[in-house]
C-alpha atoms as a PDB file:
ATOM      1  CA  UNK A   1      16.804  99.143 147.333  1.00  0.00           C
ATOM      2  CA  UNK A   2      15.183  97.878 150.787  1.00  0.00           C
ATOM      3  CA  UNK A   3      15.382  94.614 150.051  1.00  0.00           C
ATOM      4  CA  UNK A   4      18.949  94.661 148.503  1.00  0.00           C
ATOM      5  CA  UNK A   5      19.971  96.187 151.954  1.00  0.00           C
ATOM      6  CA  UNK A   6      18.207  93.640 153.819  1.00  0.00           C
ATOM      7  CA  UNK A   7      19.548  90.897 152.156  1.00  0.00           C
ATOM      8  CA  UNK A   8      23.212  91.908 152.342  1.00  0.00           C
ATOM      9  CA  UNK A   9      22.929  92.735 155.902  1.00  0.00           C
ATOM     10  CA  UNK A  10      21.523  89.465 156.560  1.00  0.00           C
ATOM     11  CA  UNK A  11      24.258  87.823 154.575  1.00  0.00           C
ATOM     12  CA  UNK A  12      26.993  89.870 156.346  1.00  0.00           C
ATOM     13  CA  UNK A  13      25.683  88.892 159.736  1.00  0.00           C
ATOM     14  CA  UNK A  14      25.455  85.237 158.591  1.00  0.00           C
ATOM     15  CA  UNK A  15      29.008  85.230 157.331  1.00  0.00           C
ATOM     16  CA  UNK A  16      30.469  86.972 160.431  1.00  0.00           C
ATOM     17  CA  UNK A  17      28.705  84.529 162.803  1.00  0.00           C
ATOM     18  CA  UNK A  18      30.377  81.720 160.583  1.00  0.00           C
ATOM     19  CA  UNK A  19      33.525  83.114 161.022  1.00  0.00           C
ATOM     20  CA  UNK A  20      33.485  83.499 164.594  1.00  0.00           C
ATOM     21  CA  UNK A  21      32.378  80.008 164.985  1.00  0.00           C
ATOM     22  CA  UNK A  22      35.118  78.371 162.903  1.00  0.00           C
ATOM     23  CA  UNK A  23      37.681  79.243 165.661  1.00  0.00           C
ATOM     24  CA  UNK A  24      35.946  76.748 168.172  1.00  0.00           C
ATOM     25  CA  UNK A  25      36.991  73.358 168.910  1.00  0.00           C
ATOM     26  CA  UNK A  26      34.688  70.223 168.247  1.00  0.00           C
ATOM     27  CA  UNK A  27      33.839  69.639 171.980  1.00  0.00           C
ATOM     28  CA  UNK A  28      33.355  73.385 172.645  1.00  0.00           C
ATOM     29  CA  UNK A  29      31.042  73.592 175.718  1.00  0.00           C
ATOM     30  CA  UNK A  30      30.570  69.876 175.665  1.00  0.00           C
ATOM     31  CA  UNK A  31      32.689  69.109 178.555  1.00  0.00           C
ATOM     32  CA  UNK A  32      35.307  67.918 176.070  1.00  0.00           C
ATOM     33  CA  UNK A  33      33.383  64.738 175.116  1.00  0.00           C
ATOM     34  CA  UNK A  34      33.311  63.608 171.507  1.00  0.00           C
ATOM     35  CA  UNK A  35      29.596  63.159 170.471  1.00  0.00           C
ATOM     36  CA  UNK A  36      28.512  59.652 169.309  1.00  0.00           C
ATOM     37  CA  UNK A  37      27.446  58.729 166.066  1.00  0.00           C
ATOM     38  CA  UNK A  38      23.587  58.590 167.303  1.00  0.00           C
ATOM     39  CA  UNK A  39      23.888  61.805 169.104  1.00  0.00           C
ATOM     40  CA  UNK A  40      21.613  64.706 168.022  1.00  0.00           C
ATOM     41  CA  UNK A  41      25.017  66.760 167.341  1.00  0.00           C
ATOM     42  CA  UNK A  42      26.077  64.184 164.792  1.00  0.00           C
ATOM     43  CA  UNK A  43      22.416  63.610 163.305  1.00  0.00           C
ATOM     44  CA  UNK A  44      21.861  67.337 162.774  1.00  0.00           C
ATOM     45  CA  UNK A  45      25.281  67.868 161.288  1.00  0.00           C
ATOM     46  CA  UNK A  46      24.486  65.186 158.617  1.00  0.00           C
ATOM     47  CA  UNK A  47      20.911  65.814 158.005  1.00  0.00           C
ATOM     48  CA  UNK A  48      21.427  69.737 157.692  1.00  0.00           C
ATOM     49  CA  UNK A  49      24.514  69.178 155.459  1.00  0.00           C
ATOM     50  CA  UNK A  50      22.042  67.209 153.018  1.00  0.00           C
ATOM     51  CA  UNK A  51      19.488  69.960 153.499  1.00  0.00           C
ATOM     52  CA  UNK A  52      21.932  72.799 152.913  1.00  0.00           C
ATOM     53  CA  UNK A  53      23.108  71.040 149.781  1.00  0.00           C
ATOM     54  CA  UNK A  54      19.684  70.999 147.819  1.00  0.00           C
ATOM     55  CA  UNK A  55      19.370  74.855 149.087  1.00  0.00           C
ATOM     56  CA  UNK A  56      22.717  75.705 147.373  1.00  0.00           C
ATOM     57  CA  UNK A  57      21.627  73.610 143.942  1.00  0.00           C
ATOM     58  CA  UNK A  58      18.158  75.547 143.788  1.00  0.00           C
ATOM     59  CA  UNK A  59      20.205  78.691 144.319  1.00  0.00           C
ATOM     60  CA  UNK A  60      22.368  78.181 141.455  1.00  0.00           C
ATOM     61  CA  UNK A  61      19.842  77.092 139.135  1.00  0.00           C
ATOM     62  CA  UNK A  62      17.646  79.907 139.771  1.00  0.00           C
ATOM     63  CA  UNK A  63      20.590  82.291 139.079  1.00  0.00           C
ATOM     64  CA  UNK A  64      20.908  80.929 135.550  1.00  0.00           C
ATOM     65  CA  UNK A  65      17.182  81.282 134.998  1.00  0.00           C
ATOM     66  CA  UNK A  66      16.516  84.941 135.542  1.00  0.00           C
ATOM     67  CA  UNK A  67      18.277  88.260 135.044  1.00  0.00           C
ATOM     68  CA  UNK A  68      16.310  89.787 138.258  1.00  0.00           C
ATOM     69  CA  UNK A  69      19.054  91.088 140.188  1.00  0.00           C
ATOM     70  CA  UNK A  70      17.037  91.016 143.595  1.00  0.00           C
ATOM     71  CA  UNK A  71      16.665  87.173 143.148  1.00  0.00           C
ATOM     72  CA  UNK A  72      19.872  86.717 141.930  1.00  0.00           C
ATOM     73  CA  UNK A  73      21.578  88.389 144.935  1.00  0.00           C
ATOM     74  CA  UNK A  74      19.285  86.423 147.194  1.00  0.00           C
ATOM     75  CA  UNK A  75      20.235  83.257 145.681  1.00  0.00           C
ATOM     76  CA  UNK A  76      23.825  84.189 145.701  1.00  0.00           C
ATOM     77  CA  UNK A  77      23.681  85.026 149.378  1.00  0.00           C
ATOM     78  CA  UNK A  78      22.024  81.798 150.446  1.00  0.00           C
ATOM     79  CA  UNK A  79      24.171  79.554 148.526  1.00  0.00           C
ATOM     80  CA  UNK A  80      27.362  81.072 149.778  1.00  0.00           C
ATOM     81  CA  UNK A  81      26.056  81.138 153.534  1.00  0.00           C
ATOM     82  CA  UNK A  82      24.823  77.697 153.529  1.00  0.00           C
ATOM     83  CA  UNK A  83      27.768  76.250 151.584  1.00  0.00           C
ATOM     84  CA  UNK A  84      29.847  77.673 154.317  1.00  0.00           C
ATOM     85  CA  UNK A  85      27.710  76.274 156.964  1.00  0.00           C
ATOM     86  CA  UNK A  86      27.616  72.904 155.186  1.00  0.00           C
ATOM     87  CA  UNK A  87      31.456  72.813 155.167  1.00  0.00           C
ATOM     88  CA  UNK A  88      31.769  73.542 158.926  1.00  0.00           C
ATOM     89  CA  UNK A  89      29.245  71.008 159.854  1.00  0.00           C
ATOM     90  CA  UNK A  90      30.989  68.332 157.815  1.00  0.00           C
ATOM     91  CA  UNK A  91      34.195  69.334 159.187  1.00  0.00           C
ATOM     92  CA  UNK A  92      33.072  68.711 162.607  1.00  0.00           C
ATOM     93  CA  UNK A  93      32.056  65.131 161.636  1.00  0.00           C
ATOM     94  CA  UNK A  94      35.636  64.786 160.331  1.00  0.00           C
ATOM     95  CA  UNK A  95      37.092  65.921 163.564  1.00  0.00           C
ATOM     96  CA  UNK A  96      34.744  63.782 165.910  1.00  0.00           C
ATOM     97  CA  UNK A  97      35.783  60.710 163.569  1.00  0.00           C
ATOM     98  CA  UNK A  98      32.146  60.121 162.650  1.00  0.00           C
ATOM     99  CA  UNK A  99      30.648  58.955 159.272  1.00  0.00           C
ATOM    100  CA  UNK A 100      28.722  61.491 157.152  1.00  0.00           C
ATOM    101  CA  UNK A 101      26.141  59.172 156.461  1.00  0.00           C
ATOM    102  CA  UNK A 102      23.936  56.871 158.642  1.00  0.00           C
ATOM    103  CA  UNK A 103      22.068  53.735 158.011  1.00  0.00           C
ATOM    104  CA  UNK A 104      19.067  55.093 160.092  1.00  0.00           C
ATOM    105  CA  UNK A 105      16.287  57.514 158.370  1.00  0.00           C
ATOM    106  CA  UNK A 106      17.063  61.382 158.353  1.00  0.00           C
ATOM    107  CA  UNK A 107      15.750  63.018 161.411  1.00  0.00           C
ATOM    108  CA  UNK A 108      15.907  59.912 163.813  1.00  0.00           C
ATOM    109  CA  UNK A 109      17.906  61.853 166.095  1.00  0.00           C
ATOM    110  CA  UNK A 110      14.686  64.042 166.553  1.00  0.00           C
ATOM    111  CA  UNK A 111      12.811  60.886 167.090  1.00  0.00           C
ATOM    112  CA  UNK A 112      11.149  61.596 163.691  1.00  0.00           C
ATOM    113  CA  UNK A 113      12.654  59.172 161.407  1.00  0.00           C
ATOM    114  CA  UNK A 114       9.595  58.541 159.861  1.00  0.00           C
ATOM    115  CA  UNK A 115       8.407  62.192 159.036  1.00  0.00           C
ATOM    116  CA  UNK A 116       9.442  62.233 155.531  1.00  0.00           C
ATOM    117  CA  UNK A 117       8.841  59.544 153.177  1.00  0.00           C
ATOM    118  CA  UNK A 118      11.855  60.219 150.837  1.00  0.00           C
ATOM    119  CA  UNK A 119       9.258  60.001 148.144  1.00  0.00           C
ATOM    120  CA  UNK A 120      10.715  61.342 144.855  1.00  0.00           C
ATOM    121  CA  UNK A 121      14.028  62.698 146.537  1.00  0.00           C
ATOM    122  CA  UNK A 122      12.187  64.813 149.408  1.00  0.00           C
ATOM    123  CA  UNK A 123      14.636  63.114 152.086  1.00  0.00           C
ATOM    124  CA  UNK A 124      13.548  65.575 154.966  1.00  0.00           C
ATOM    125  CA  UNK A 125      10.667  68.155 155.663  1.00  0.00           C
ATOM    126  CA  UNK A 126      10.876  71.097 153.366  1.00  0.00           C
ATOM    127  CA  UNK A 127      13.126  69.602 150.721  1.00  0.00           C
ATOM    128  CA  UNK A 128      11.907  70.080 147.018  1.00  0.00           C
ATOM    129  CA  UNK A 129      11.147  66.705 145.226  1.00  0.00           C
ATOM    130  CA  UNK A 130      13.283  65.777 142.332  1.00  0.00           C
ATOM    131  CA  UNK A 131      10.310  66.489 140.108  1.00  0.00           C
ATOM    132  CA  UNK A 132      10.340  70.030 141.468  1.00  0.00           C
ATOM    133  CA  UNK A 133      14.004  70.342 140.981  1.00  0.00           C
ATOM    134  CA  UNK A 134      13.548  69.586 137.383  1.00  0.00           C
ATOM    135  CA  UNK A 135      10.583  71.881 136.996  1.00  0.00           C
ATOM    136  CA  UNK A 136      12.612  74.742 138.713  1.00  0.00           C
ATOM    137  CA  UNK A 137      15.647  74.264 135.809  1.00  0.00           C
ATOM    138  CA  UNK A 138      13.110  74.398 133.093  1.00  0.00           C
ATOM    139  CA  UNK A 139      11.214  77.659 134.263  1.00  0.00           C
ATOM    140  CA  UNK A 140      12.416  81.122 133.002  1.00  0.00           C
ATOM    141  CA  UNK A 141      11.959  84.812 134.261  1.00  0.00           C
ATOM    142  CA  UNK A 142       9.210  85.595 136.815  1.00  0.00           C
ATOM    143  CA  UNK A 143       8.091  82.068 136.718  1.00  0.00           C
ATOM    144  CA  UNK A 144      11.228  80.805 137.502  1.00  0.00           C
ATOM    145  CA  UNK A 145      11.642  83.565 140.190  1.00  0.00           C
ATOM    146  CA  UNK A 146       8.431  82.595 142.014  1.00  0.00           C
ATOM    147  CA  UNK A 147       8.703  79.141 142.077  1.00  0.00           C
ATOM    148  CA  UNK A 148      12.192  79.494 143.575  1.00  0.00           C
ATOM    149  CA  UNK A 149      10.996  81.531 146.160  1.00  0.00           C
ATOM    150  CA  UNK A 150       8.060  79.202 146.972  1.00  0.00           C
ATOM    151  CA  UNK A 151      10.542  76.169 147.143  1.00  0.00           C
ATOM    152  CA  UNK A 152      12.966  78.110 149.261  1.00  0.00           C
ATOM    153  CA  UNK A 153      10.280  79.285 151.540  1.00  0.00           C
ATOM    154  CA  UNK A 154       9.334  75.727 152.193  1.00  0.00           C
ATOM    155  CA  UNK A 155      12.847  74.738 152.411  1.00  0.00           C
ATOM    156  CA  UNK A 156      13.658  77.178 154.894  1.00  0.00           C
ATOM    157  CA  UNK A 157      10.552  76.227 157.194  1.00  0.00           C
ATOM    158  CA  UNK A 158      11.942  72.591 157.351  1.00  0.00           C
ATOM    159  CA  UNK A 159      15.250  73.656 157.864  1.00  0.00           C
ATOM    160  CA  UNK A 160      14.056  75.964 161.037  1.00  0.00           C
ATOM    161  CA  UNK A 161      12.171  72.875 162.320  1.00  0.00           C
ATOM    162  CA  UNK A 162      15.669  71.127 162.437  1.00  0.00           C
ATOM    163  CA  UNK A 163      17.603  73.765 163.609  1.00  0.00           C
ATOM    164  CA  UNK A 164      15.231  74.173 166.797  1.00  0.00           C
ATOM    165  CA  UNK A 165      15.543  70.388 167.176  1.00  0.00           C
ATOM    166  CA  UNK A 166      19.454  71.047 167.602  1.00  0.00           C
ATOM    167  CA  UNK A 167      19.273  74.114 169.662  1.00  0.00           C
ATOM    168  CA  UNK A 168      16.896  71.773 171.939  1.00  0.00           C
ATOM    169  CA  UNK A 169      18.794  68.511 171.856  1.00  0.00           C
ATOM    170  CA  UNK A 170      22.526  69.189 170.785  1.00  0.00           C
ATOM    171  CA  UNK A 171      25.369  69.183 173.456  1.00  0.00           C
ATOM    172  CA  UNK A 172      28.092  70.835 171.769  1.00  0.00           C
ATOM    173  CA  UNK A 173      27.847  74.727 172.235  1.00  0.00           C
ATOM    174  CA  UNK A 174      29.231  76.014 169.054  1.00  0.00           C
ATOM    175  CA  UNK A 175      26.691  73.941 167.056  1.00  0.00           C
ATOM    176  CA  UNK A 176      23.787  75.044 169.121  1.00  0.00           C
ATOM    177  CA  UNK A 177      24.712  78.418 168.396  1.00  0.00           C
ATOM    178  CA  UNK A 178      25.124  77.876 164.702  1.00  0.00           C
ATOM    179  CA  UNK A 179      21.746  76.311 164.654  1.00  0.00           C
ATOM    180  CA  UNK A 180      20.037  79.288 166.579  1.00  0.00           C
ATOM    181  CA  UNK A 181      21.869  81.614 163.995  1.00  0.00           C
ATOM    182  CA  UNK A 182      20.196  79.613 161.215  1.00  0.00           C
ATOM    183  CA  UNK A 183      16.717  79.904 162.766  1.00  0.00           C
ATOM    184  CA  UNK A 184      17.177  83.874 163.067  1.00  0.00           C
ATOM    185  CA  UNK A 185      18.410  84.263 159.751  1.00  0.00           C
ATOM    186  CA  UNK A 186      16.182  81.911 157.827  1.00  0.00           C
ATOM    187  CA  UNK A 187      13.034  83.427 159.735  1.00  0.00           C
ATOM    188  CA  UNK A 188      14.087  86.919 158.428  1.00  0.00           C
ATOM    189  CA  UNK A 189      14.545  85.638 154.719  1.00  0.00           C
ATOM    190  CA  UNK A 190      11.262  83.658 154.957  1.00  0.00           C
ATOM    191  CA  UNK A 191       9.810  87.161 155.630  1.00  0.00           C
ATOM    192  CA  UNK A 192      11.769  88.783 152.949  1.00  0.00           C
ATOM    193  CA  UNK A 193      10.629  86.199 150.368  1.00  0.00           C
ATOM    194  CA  UNK A 194       7.102  86.610 151.291  1.00  0.00           C
ATOM    195  CA  UNK A 195       7.369  90.248 150.224  1.00  0.00           C
ATOM    196  CA  UNK A 196       9.123  89.361 147.030  1.00  0.00           C
ATOM    197  CA  UNK A 197       6.426  87.082 146.191  1.00  0.00           C
ATOM    198  CA  UNK A 198       3.829  89.651 146.794  1.00  0.00           C
ATOM    199  CA  UNK A 199       5.410  92.058 144.503  1.00  0.00           C
ATOM    200  CA  UNK A 200       5.093  89.098 141.875  1.00  0.00           C
ATOM    201  CA  UNK A 201       1.481  88.801 142.513  1.00  0.00           C
ATOM    202  CA  UNK A 202       2.253  85.545 144.512  1.00  0.00           C
ATOM    203  CA  UNK A 203       2.121  84.071 147.484  1.00  0.00           C
ATOM    204  CA  UNK A 204       4.062  81.038 149.645  1.00  0.00           C
ATOM    205  CA  UNK A 205       2.370  77.740 149.074  1.00  0.00           C
ATOM    206  CA  UNK A 206       0.199  76.502 151.520  1.00  0.00           C
END
């Protein structure tokens, strides 16, 4: 029950924060200036929308592969929170009149365009490969739970790195606050997932 309470509390906090953020105009705290397509603000919104989409996909896959209520609840909370945040980031790009894709490699806005090779679909740090996504969809029960928790732990670590980059580089205040909220929530979930892995006789991947 402790885990369930922690998960529900984290999800509630994230959704409240998301609701508070949606009222803001695109240029909040940015001096009324619309970010450029090459800005950290636009780059983070584009890249994190892609990063979040995979987390949503992984979460719905595992919900179909296990009957464990704790894992299913965590997966649902992550899927709902990240889908909500993804929608906001894509909405900001629309408001700014900026493209949702770029010809530049992911994370160029962080001066780290070559950090991820993109091999087998892993476009950014922490992202699962196509092979890993396929494997997750083939596992059942405890094996699916452990692999999901390991993949999502890696995914969150990569997401935190990107979000910290936005906190440091983004100019739009509302986006910086969303990024900091991602850091806080995902660090909490990493700790929670470490406990859940331990309960299943497993550990995060090195």
